[in-house]
Amino acid sequence: MKRLLKKITPAPVLGAYHYGAALLGAVLYRFPSNKLFVIGITGTKGKSTTSELVAAILKEAGYTVALASTIRFAIGHESEPNLFKMTMPGRMYLQQFLRKAVDKDATHAVIEMTSEGAKQYRHKGIALDALIFTNLQPEHLESHGSMEAYAAAKLSLAKGLEESPKRPRYIVANADDKYGKDFLAAKVEVRALFSLKDAEPYSTDEKAVRFVWRRGELFTVPLPGLFNLQNILAALTLTDAMGIPQATIKKALETIAPVAGRAERVEKGQPFTVIIDYAHTPDSLRALYETYSQRTVLKPAKDGPLKTRKIIGVLGSTGGGRDTWKRPSMGAIAEEYCDVVILTNEDPYDEDPKKIIDEIAKGFTKQKPHVIYDRRKAIREALREAQSGDAVLITGKGTDPYIMGALGAKEPWSDKRVTEEELKKLGYNK
């Protein structure tokens, strides 16, 4: 019924409803954002990790922080997983969350902000102090209608920062992204760019990034890949602009815990690498595969031949009915980097899973991917295929709590939990 109402209700009416609900929430919860230093984080990729990094730096600086992201909702030391299957929940949830943060004496709030949330005005009534823009890549084009409309939805968040009564207001944008200059055009007091050039010389591998920042300080951060270096620079640039001492920032970054579902290692004593990651766009998939393909020659057994690391990919595509254009691209990238590819269900919704996987398979020209619709069985087969030194990369869901099926069906799910269970069956139970 809910989906039917959405289809038959004119867009202006829906827009007015969402706008009104957001402002009503602010009124009912007594404008809690006015009592917090509120940082919004937007972009196609890296939002969740950047949110965690900013929150960690603020905590190291002695602040009590509220965090609302795709992964979790946290206030101070209390944390619970985000089970909404959306980053910015509606029905006034964010205003309620911010009021709870105020009541628990939080000083800062870090909120991951999406184009879908902006399109439904869920940021209205939230007075921002700062906004970070990570990057912009094609995504949600069926929903927005075009790349231009998608970019406009993101930029409306910068407009929201401009309208904030807070002073000073900060915007931090990615200079390496062509849309960075559009965000930096926001009329606010503090504007800052970050770029990979800021970190030169830098090096990355599958366990850490090492770089020298502006003042000549060497950082070693235990997060893998070039993509995480960009997230780190975003968080570092904002918190430095806010006046947090570099020694505090460095300590927070160098002791950061792994981010759930984002290049997250599963360690159960197995002699091969297992990674859970949310990668669900061509760019993010390529970035992940490149990170784990860097060290290809493995130390041989005594008197044995050199062994090349085998990459085993388990992937699907974004939810049914969404971003269908990218499916062949995802397949082509998987074929380029993986020795073995297993295509499986991710979130088919009302679309035929076979159609989704057939469209991904169109990207393959040299090898034939394995197709196992049952995601647990696909993960099991990938783990069985792995040998010492290999890497199993399970992508697409990260911390998503459900597999979404037809007619709104929800199957409770956790890639990490299922992977741990299947490793245990194979005799690994560290």
Protein backbone atom coordinates (compact mmCIF):
# COMPACT_ATOMS: atom_id res chain seq x y z
CA MET A 1 0.00 0.00 0.00
CA LYS A 2 2.83 2.39 0.91
CA ARG A 3 4.58 1.85 -2.41
CA LEU A 4 1.30 2.29 -4.30
CA LEU A 5 0.61 5.59 -2.55
CA LYS A 6 4.09 6.81 -3.50
CA LYS A 7 3.44 5.97 -7.14
CA ILE A 8 0.07 7.69 -7.40
CA THR A 9 0.84 10.77 -5.27
CA PRO A 10 2.04 13.77 -7.32
CA ALA A 11 5.68 14.71 -6.67
CA PRO A 12 4.86 18.22 -5.37
CA VAL A 13 2.48 16.74 -2.81
CA LEU A 14 5.08 14.21 -1.67
CA GLY A 15 7.69 16.96 -1.46
CA ALA A 16 5.42 19.13 0.67
CA TYR A 17 4.70 16.18 2.97
CA HIS A 18 8.41 15.41 3.50
CA TYR A 19 9.28 19.08 3.98
CA GLY A 20 6.51 19.57 6.50
CA ALA A 21 7.37 16.40 8.41
CA ALA A 22 11.02 17.48 8.74
CA LEU A 23 10.15 20.90 10.09
CA LEU A 24 7.45 19.49 12.38
CA GLY A 25 10.05 17.12 13.84
CA ALA A 26 12.35 20.05 14.56
CA VAL A 27 9.54 21.88 16.34
CA LEU A 28 8.35 18.87 18.34
CA TYR A 29 11.89 18.06 19.52
CA ARG A 30 12.66 21.73 20.22
CA PHE A 31 15.33 22.30 17.57
CA PRO A 32 18.02 20.12 19.19
CA SER A 33 20.63 20.86 16.51
CA ASN A 34 20.88 24.42 17.86
CA LYS A 35 22.53 23.03 20.98
CA LEU A 36 25.09 20.85 19.13
CA PHE A 37 28.04 21.37 16.78
CA VAL A 38 26.59 19.49 13.79
CA ILE A 39 28.78 18.07 11.03
CA GLY A 40 27.15 16.68 7.87
CA ILE A 41 29.05 14.32 5.58
CA THR A 42 27.91 13.70 2.02
CA GLY A 43 29.19 12.15 -1.21
CA THR A 44 28.82 8.92 -3.15
CA LYS A 45 31.59 6.97 -1.46
CA GLY A 46 33.39 7.16 1.86
CA LYS A 47 30.66 8.79 3.93
CA SER A 48 30.45 6.11 6.63
CA THR A 49 34.21 5.78 7.09
CA THR A 50 34.72 9.54 7.11
CA SER A 51 31.95 9.85 9.71
CA GLU A 52 33.71 7.32 11.93
CA LEU A 53 37.03 9.12 11.51
CA VAL A 54 35.61 12.53 12.40
CA ALA A 55 33.80 11.06 15.41
CA ALA A 56 36.98 9.35 16.62
CA ILE A 57 38.98 12.58 16.40
CA LEU A 58 36.33 14.52 18.29
CA LYS A 59 36.22 11.86 21.01
CA GLU A 60 40.01 11.97 21.32
CA ALA A 61 39.69 15.72 21.74
CA GLY A 62 37.46 15.13 24.76
CA TYR A 63 34.03 15.78 23.26
CA THR A 64 30.89 13.68 23.71
CA VAL A 65 29.82 12.75 20.20
CA ALA A 66 26.59 11.56 18.59
CA LEU A 67 26.96 9.65 15.31
CA ALA A 68 24.21 8.80 12.81
CA SER A 69 25.37 6.77 9.81
CA THR A 70 24.56 3.88 7.50
CA ILE A 71 26.36 1.62 9.95
CA ARG A 72 25.14 2.72 13.37
CA PHE A 73 23.62 5.26 15.73
CA ALA A 74 25.81 6.15 18.69
CA ILE A 75 25.82 8.66 21.52
CA GLY A 76 28.94 8.69 23.65
CA HIS A 77 29.79 5.08 24.51
CA GLU A 78 26.33 3.76 23.61
CA SER A 79 25.93 2.32 20.11
CA GLU A 80 23.33 0.35 18.18
CA PRO A 81 23.30 -0.87 14.57
CA ASN A 82 21.31 0.99 11.93
CA LEU A 83 18.55 -1.49 11.02
CA PHE A 84 16.50 0.91 8.91
CA LYS A 85 18.08 -0.08 5.57
CA MET A 86 18.48 3.66 4.97
CA THR A 87 21.08 6.17 6.04
CA MET A 88 18.77 9.07 6.95
CA PRO A 89 15.59 7.60 8.44
CA GLY A 90 12.36 9.55 8.04
CA ARG A 91 9.41 10.03 10.40
CA MET A 92 11.33 12.63 12.39
CA TYR A 93 13.88 10.05 13.55
CA LEU A 94 16.91 12.31 13.14
CA GLN A 95 15.34 15.08 15.20
CA GLN A 96 14.46 12.56 17.91
CA PHE A 97 18.04 11.24 17.80
CA LEU A 98 19.51 14.73 18.14
CA ARG A 99 17.22 15.52 21.07
CA LYS A 100 18.38 12.33 22.77
CA ALA A 101 21.99 13.42 22.12
CA VAL A 102 21.34 16.80 23.75
CA ASP A 103 19.67 15.16 26.75
CA LYS A 104 22.75 12.95 27.16
CA ASP A 105 25.05 15.98 27.15
CA ALA A 106 26.56 15.41 23.71
CA THR A 107 28.45 18.40 22.35
CA HIS A 108 28.89 17.34 18.72
CA ALA A 109 26.85 15.36 16.18
CA VAL A 110 28.19 13.74 13.01
CA ILE A 111 25.46 12.91 10.49
CA GLU A 112 25.90 11.00 7.25
CA MET A 113 23.72 12.73 4.65
CA THR A 114 22.49 11.23 1.38
CA SER A 115 20.98 12.51 -1.84
CA GLU A 116 17.81 10.52 -1.15
CA GLY A 117 17.56 12.09 2.29
CA ALA A 118 18.11 15.55 0.81
CA LYS A 119 15.52 14.88 -1.90
CA GLN A 120 13.01 14.18 0.88
CA TYR A 121 14.12 17.26 2.88
CA ARG A 122 15.26 15.20 5.87
CA HIS A 123 18.03 17.72 6.50
CA LYS A 124 15.57 20.56 6.95
CA GLY A 125 15.40 21.84 10.50
CA ILE A 126 18.96 20.62 11.19
CA ALA A 127 21.26 23.63 11.69
CA LEU A 128 24.66 22.62 10.34
CA ASP A 129 28.00 23.92 11.52
CA ALA A 130 30.04 22.03 8.91
CA LEU A 131 29.73 19.90 5.79
CA ILE A 132 32.24 17.52 4.20
CA PHE A 133 31.93 16.55 0.52
CA THR A 134 33.84 13.33 -0.29
CA ASN A 135 33.19 12.69 -4.01
CA LEU A 136 30.45 12.25 -6.58
CA GLN A 137 30.01 9.27 -8.89
CA PRO A 138 26.94 8.05 -10.81
CA GLU A 139 24.45 6.41 -8.42
CA HIS A 140 20.68 6.43 -7.77
CA LEU A 141 20.16 7.75 -11.30
CA GLU A 142 16.80 5.99 -11.65
CA SER A 143 15.58 7.86 -8.59
CA HIS A 144 17.01 11.27 -9.46
CA GLY A 145 16.56 11.11 -13.23
CA SER A 146 20.04 12.31 -14.21
CA MET A 147 23.55 12.93 -12.93
CA GLU A 148 22.77 16.64 -12.85
CA ALA A 149 19.74 16.08 -10.61
CA TYR A 150 21.77 13.75 -8.38
CA ALA A 151 24.47 16.41 -8.01
CA ALA A 152 21.82 19.07 -7.33
CA ALA A 153 20.40 16.97 -4.47
CA LYS A 154 23.86 16.76 -2.90
CA LEU A 155 24.45 20.48 -3.42
CA SER A 156 21.19 21.27 -1.65
CA LEU A 157 23.00 20.19 1.52
CA ALA A 158 25.60 22.92 0.92
CA LYS A 159 22.69 25.34 0.50
CA GLY A 160 21.38 24.10 3.84
CA LEU A 161 24.76 24.96 5.38
CA GLU A 162 24.53 28.45 3.90
CA GLU A 163 21.09 28.88 5.51
CA SER A 164 22.30 27.76 8.93
CA PRO A 165 22.31 30.46 11.63
CA LYS A 166 25.50 28.99 13.12
CA ARG A 167 28.80 30.90 12.97
CA PRO A 168 31.39 30.13 11.84
CA ARG A 169 30.31 27.58 9.23
CA TYR A 170 32.81 25.22 7.61
CA ILE A 171 32.78 23.44 4.26
CA VAL A 172 35.44 20.92 3.25
CA ALA A 173 35.49 19.58 -0.31
CA ASN A 174 37.51 17.13 -2.37
CA ALA A 175 39.74 19.05 -4.79
CA ASP A 176 40.37 15.87 -6.79
CA ASP A 177 36.66 15.58 -7.68
CA LYS A 178 35.23 17.76 -10.44
CA TYR A 179 32.26 18.69 -8.26
CA GLY A 180 34.50 19.89 -5.41
CA LYS A 181 34.57 23.47 -6.69
CA ASP A 182 30.75 23.58 -6.70
CA PHE A 183 30.65 22.74 -3.00
CA LEU A 184 33.44 25.16 -2.22
CA ALA A 185 31.34 27.94 -3.76
CA ALA A 186 29.11 27.84 -0.66
CA LYS A 187 28.93 31.24 1.03
CA VAL A 188 30.32 30.32 4.44
CA GLU A 189 33.10 31.58 6.68
CA VAL A 190 35.60 28.70 6.39
CA ARG A 191 36.25 26.87 3.13
CA ALA A 192 38.93 24.21 2.73
CA LEU A 193 39.96 21.74 0.06
CA PHE A 194 41.71 18.40 0.49
CA SER A 195 43.65 16.51 -2.14
CA LEU A 196 45.92 13.51 -2.38
CA LYS A 197 48.67 16.05 -3.10
CA ASP A 198 48.35 17.11 0.55
CA ALA A 199 49.59 13.66 1.58
CA GLU A 200 52.61 13.29 -0.67
CA PRO A 201 54.66 11.23 -0.34
CA TYR A 202 52.20 8.47 0.55
CA SER A 203 51.96 4.72 0.30
CA THR A 204 49.05 2.33 0.75
CA ASP A 205 48.59 -1.39 1.10
CA GLU A 206 45.96 -3.80 2.32
CA LYS A 207 46.57 -3.03 5.99
CA ALA A 208 47.46 0.63 6.30
CA VAL A 209 48.12 3.98 4.69
CA ARG A 210 51.24 6.04 5.37
CA PHE A 211 51.55 9.69 4.39
CA VAL A 212 53.16 13.00 5.25
CA TRP A 213 50.68 15.79 5.86
CA ARG A 214 51.04 19.56 5.49
CA ARG A 215 53.29 20.23 8.46
CA GLY A 216 55.68 17.42 7.62
CA GLU A 217 54.19 14.97 10.13
CA LEU A 218 54.24 11.25 9.22
CA PHE A 219 50.92 9.46 9.75
CA THR A 220 50.41 5.68 9.74
CA VAL A 221 46.72 4.82 9.82
CA PRO A 222 45.56 1.17 10.08
CA LEU A 223 43.00 1.38 7.27
CA PRO A 224 43.68 -0.10 3.83
CA GLY A 225 43.85 1.43 0.38
CA LEU A 226 43.98 4.72 -1.47
CA PHE A 227 40.24 5.19 -1.00
CA ASN A 228 40.74 5.34 2.76
CA LEU A 229 43.53 7.89 2.40
CA GLN A 230 40.96 10.21 0.80
CA ASN A 231 38.55 9.63 3.69
CA ILE A 232 41.32 10.30 6.20
CA LEU A 233 42.27 13.56 4.48
CA ALA A 234 38.65 14.73 4.56
CA ALA A 235 38.37 14.13 8.31
CA LEU A 236 41.83 15.57 8.99
CA THR A 237 41.17 18.75 6.99
CA LEU A 238 37.93 19.56 8.78
CA THR A 239 39.13 18.87 12.30
CA ASP A 240 42.34 20.82 11.67
CA ALA A 241 40.25 23.78 10.45
CA MET A 242 38.19 23.50 13.63
CA GLY A 243 41.36 24.02 15.66
CA ILE A 244 41.86 20.52 17.04
CA PRO A 245 45.60 20.00 17.75
CA GLN A 246 47.46 17.89 15.20
CA ALA A 247 48.82 15.63 17.94
CA THR A 248 45.23 14.81 18.97
CA ILE A 249 44.20 14.14 15.37
CA LYS A 250 47.25 11.94 14.80
CA LYS A 251 46.61 9.85 17.91
CA ALA A 252 42.95 9.32 16.99
CA LEU A 253 43.75 8.30 13.42
CA GLU A 254 46.62 6.00 14.29
CA THR A 255 44.54 4.11 16.86
CA ILE A 256 41.28 4.00 14.87
CA ALA A 257 39.34 0.74 15.12
CA PRO A 258 38.35 -1.13 11.94
CA VAL A 259 35.17 0.27 10.40
CA ALA A 260 32.40 -2.33 10.30
CA GLY A 261 31.59 -3.53 6.80
CA ARG A 262 34.15 -1.26 5.15
CA ALA A 263 37.18 -3.30 4.02
CA GLU A 264 36.64 -5.21 7.26
CA ARG A 265 38.81 -8.26 7.86
CA VAL A 266 37.27 -11.46 9.16
CA GLU A 267 39.91 -13.27 11.22
CA LYS A 268 39.19 -16.79 12.42
CA GLY A 269 42.66 -18.25 12.10
CA GLN A 270 42.32 -19.09 8.39
CA PRO A 271 45.52 -18.88 6.29
CA PHE A 272 43.90 -16.61 3.71
CA THR A 273 42.46 -13.09 3.76
CA VAL A 274 38.70 -12.53 4.00
CA ILE A 275 37.26 -9.04 3.50
CA ILE A 276 33.71 -7.75 3.91
CA ASP A 277 33.05 -4.49 2.07
CA TYR A 278 30.10 -2.34 1.05
CA ALA A 279 31.53 -1.66 -2.45
CA HIS A 280 28.52 -1.42 -4.76
CA THR A 281 29.62 1.01 -7.46
CA PRO A 282 32.15 0.34 -10.26
CA ASP A 283 34.68 2.82 -8.82
CA SER A 284 34.49 1.46 -5.28
CA LEU A 285 34.71 -2.14 -6.51
CA ARG A 286 37.80 -1.35 -8.58
CA ALA A 287 39.43 0.50 -5.67
CA LEU A 288 38.90 -2.47 -3.36
CA TYR A 289 40.19 -5.03 -5.87
CA GLU A 290 43.28 -2.91 -6.60
CA THR A 291 44.09 -2.75 -2.89
CA TYR A 292 44.11 -6.52 -2.49
CA SER A 293 45.82 -7.23 -5.81
CA GLN A 294 48.94 -5.20 -4.99
CA ARG A 295 50.96 -8.02 -3.40
CA THR A 296 50.62 -10.87 -5.85
CA VAL A 297 53.72 -13.01 -5.28
CA LEU A 298 53.54 -15.05 -2.10
CA LYS A 299 56.40 -16.62 -0.21
CA PRO A 300 56.73 -20.23 -1.41
CA ALA A 301 56.80 -23.29 0.76
CA LYS A 302 60.25 -24.76 1.32
CA ASP A 303 61.76 -25.67 -2.07
CA GLY A 304 58.37 -24.97 -3.68
CA PRO A 305 57.59 -22.72 -6.65
CA LEU A 306 56.50 -19.12 -6.27
CA LYS A 307 52.75 -18.89 -5.77
CA THR A 308 50.57 -16.08 -7.10
CA ARG A 309 47.81 -14.86 -4.83
CA LYS A 310 44.37 -15.82 -6.07
CA ILE A 311 41.58 -13.26 -5.79
CA ILE A 312 38.09 -14.70 -5.25
CA GLY A 313 35.21 -12.26 -5.60
CA VAL A 314 31.66 -12.70 -4.30
CA LEU A 315 29.32 -10.01 -5.59
CA GLY A 316 25.88 -9.08 -6.80
CA SER A 317 24.62 -5.65 -7.78
CA THR A 318 22.71 -2.83 -6.14
CA GLY A 319 19.09 -3.49 -5.28
CA GLY A 320 16.66 -4.60 -7.93
CA GLY A 321 15.37 -1.80 -10.12
CA ARG A 322 18.29 0.49 -9.25
CA ASP A 323 21.28 1.64 -11.28
CA THR A 324 20.88 -1.14 -13.82
CA TRP A 325 23.39 0.64 -16.09
CA LYS A 326 26.32 -0.38 -13.90
CA ARG A 327 25.76 -4.13 -13.83
CA PRO A 328 27.92 -5.06 -16.87
CA SER A 329 30.62 -2.68 -15.60
CA MET A 330 30.69 -4.45 -12.23
CA GLY A 331 31.07 -7.77 -14.04
CA ALA A 332 33.89 -6.48 -16.25
CA ILE A 333 35.80 -5.14 -13.24
CA ALA A 334 35.38 -8.41 -11.35
CA GLU A 335 36.70 -10.34 -14.35
CA GLU A 336 39.68 -7.98 -14.66
CA TYR A 337 40.87 -8.47 -11.08
CA CYS A 338 39.48 -11.79 -9.86
CA ASP A 339 40.68 -15.29 -10.66
CA VAL A 340 37.35 -16.71 -9.51
CA VAL A 341 34.04 -14.81 -9.50
CA ILE A 342 30.86 -15.97 -7.81
CA LEU A 343 27.72 -13.98 -8.63
CA THR A 344 24.98 -14.11 -6.03
CA ASN A 345 21.90 -12.38 -4.65
CA GLU A 346 22.28 -9.05 -2.97
CA ASP A 347 18.93 -7.23 -2.72
CA PRO A 348 16.73 -8.24 -5.65
CA TYR A 349 13.58 -6.58 -4.28
CA ASP A 350 10.86 -7.14 -6.93
CA GLU A 351 13.24 -7.78 -9.81
CA ASP A 352 14.01 -11.29 -11.05
CA PRO A 353 17.40 -12.28 -9.51
CA LYS A 354 18.29 -14.18 -12.68
CA LYS A 355 17.84 -11.04 -14.77
CA ILE A 356 20.13 -9.07 -12.44
CA ILE A 357 22.87 -11.67 -12.54
CA ASP A 358 22.54 -12.17 -16.31
CA GLU A 359 23.13 -8.43 -16.75
CA ILE A 360 26.24 -8.52 -14.55
CA ALA A 361 27.49 -11.55 -16.50
CA LYS A 362 27.31 -9.55 -19.74
CA GLY A 363 30.47 -7.79 -18.57
CA PHE A 364 32.48 -11.02 -18.74
CA THR A 365 34.31 -11.79 -21.99
CA LYS A 366 37.15 -14.15 -20.97
CA GLN A 367 35.86 -16.27 -18.10
CA LYS A 368 32.50 -17.60 -17.07
CA PRO A 369 31.46 -16.56 -13.56
CA HIS A 370 29.97 -19.06 -11.16
CA VAL A 371 26.34 -18.35 -10.29
CA ILE A 372 25.03 -19.31 -6.85
CA TYR A 373 21.84 -17.43 -5.97
CA ASP A 374 21.89 -18.43 -2.31
CA ARG A 375 24.29 -15.90 -0.74
CA ARG A 376 25.32 -18.19 2.11
CA LYS A 377 26.20 -20.98 -0.32
CA ALA A 378 28.12 -18.50 -2.47
CA ILE A 379 30.21 -17.39 0.51
CA ARG A 380 30.74 -21.02 1.53
CA GLU A 381 32.00 -21.92 -1.95
CA ALA A 382 34.38 -18.93 -2.03
CA LEU A 383 35.89 -19.91 1.32
CA ARG A 384 36.28 -23.52 0.19
CA GLU A 385 38.05 -22.31 -2.95
CA ALA A 386 40.59 -20.23 -1.03
CA GLN A 387 44.06 -21.55 -0.30
CA SER A 388 46.88 -20.19 1.82
CA GLY A 389 47.68 -16.59 0.90
CA ASP A 390 44.60 -16.03 -1.24
CA ALA A 391 42.03 -13.24 -0.75
CA VAL A 392 38.25 -13.64 -0.61
CA LEU A 393 36.48 -10.32 -1.22
CA ILE A 394 32.77 -10.35 -0.32
CA THR A 395 31.21 -7.12 -1.54
CA GLY A 396 27.95 -5.25 -1.84
CA LYS A 397 26.29 -5.44 1.57
CA GLY A 398 28.79 -4.46 4.24
CA THR A 399 26.70 -4.14 7.40
CA ASP A 400 23.30 -4.30 5.64
CA PRO A 401 20.97 -6.11 8.08
CA TYR A 402 18.63 -7.69 5.52
CA ILE A 403 18.44 -9.24 2.08
CA MET A 404 15.46 -7.51 0.50
CA GLY A 405 13.14 -9.69 -1.58
CA ALA A 406 9.89 -9.39 -3.48
CA LEU A 407 6.86 -7.63 -1.98
CA GLY A 408 8.89 -6.14 0.84
CA ALA A 409 10.23 -9.46 2.16
CA LYS A 410 13.20 -9.10 4.54
CA GLU A 411 15.62 -11.89 5.32
CA PRO A 412 17.75 -11.01 8.37
CA TRP A 413 21.35 -11.02 7.22
CA SER A 414 24.95 -10.31 8.13
CA ASP A 415 27.80 -11.01 5.70
CA LYS A 416 30.24 -11.06 8.61
CA ARG A 417 28.21 -13.43 10.78
CA VAL A 418 27.57 -15.83 7.89
CA THR A 419 31.24 -15.75 6.91
CA GLU A 420 32.32 -16.52 10.47
CA GLU A 421 29.84 -19.40 10.65
CA GLU A 422 31.08 -20.87 7.38
CA LEU A 423 34.72 -20.51 8.42
CA LYS A 424 33.89 -22.37 11.61
CA LYS A 425 32.41 -25.22 9.57
CA LEU A 426 35.72 -25.38 7.72
CA GLY A 427 37.55 -25.80 11.03
CA TYR A 428 38.62 -22.20 11.63
CA ASN A 429 37.41 -20.89 14.97
CA LYS A 430 40.08 -18.64 16.44
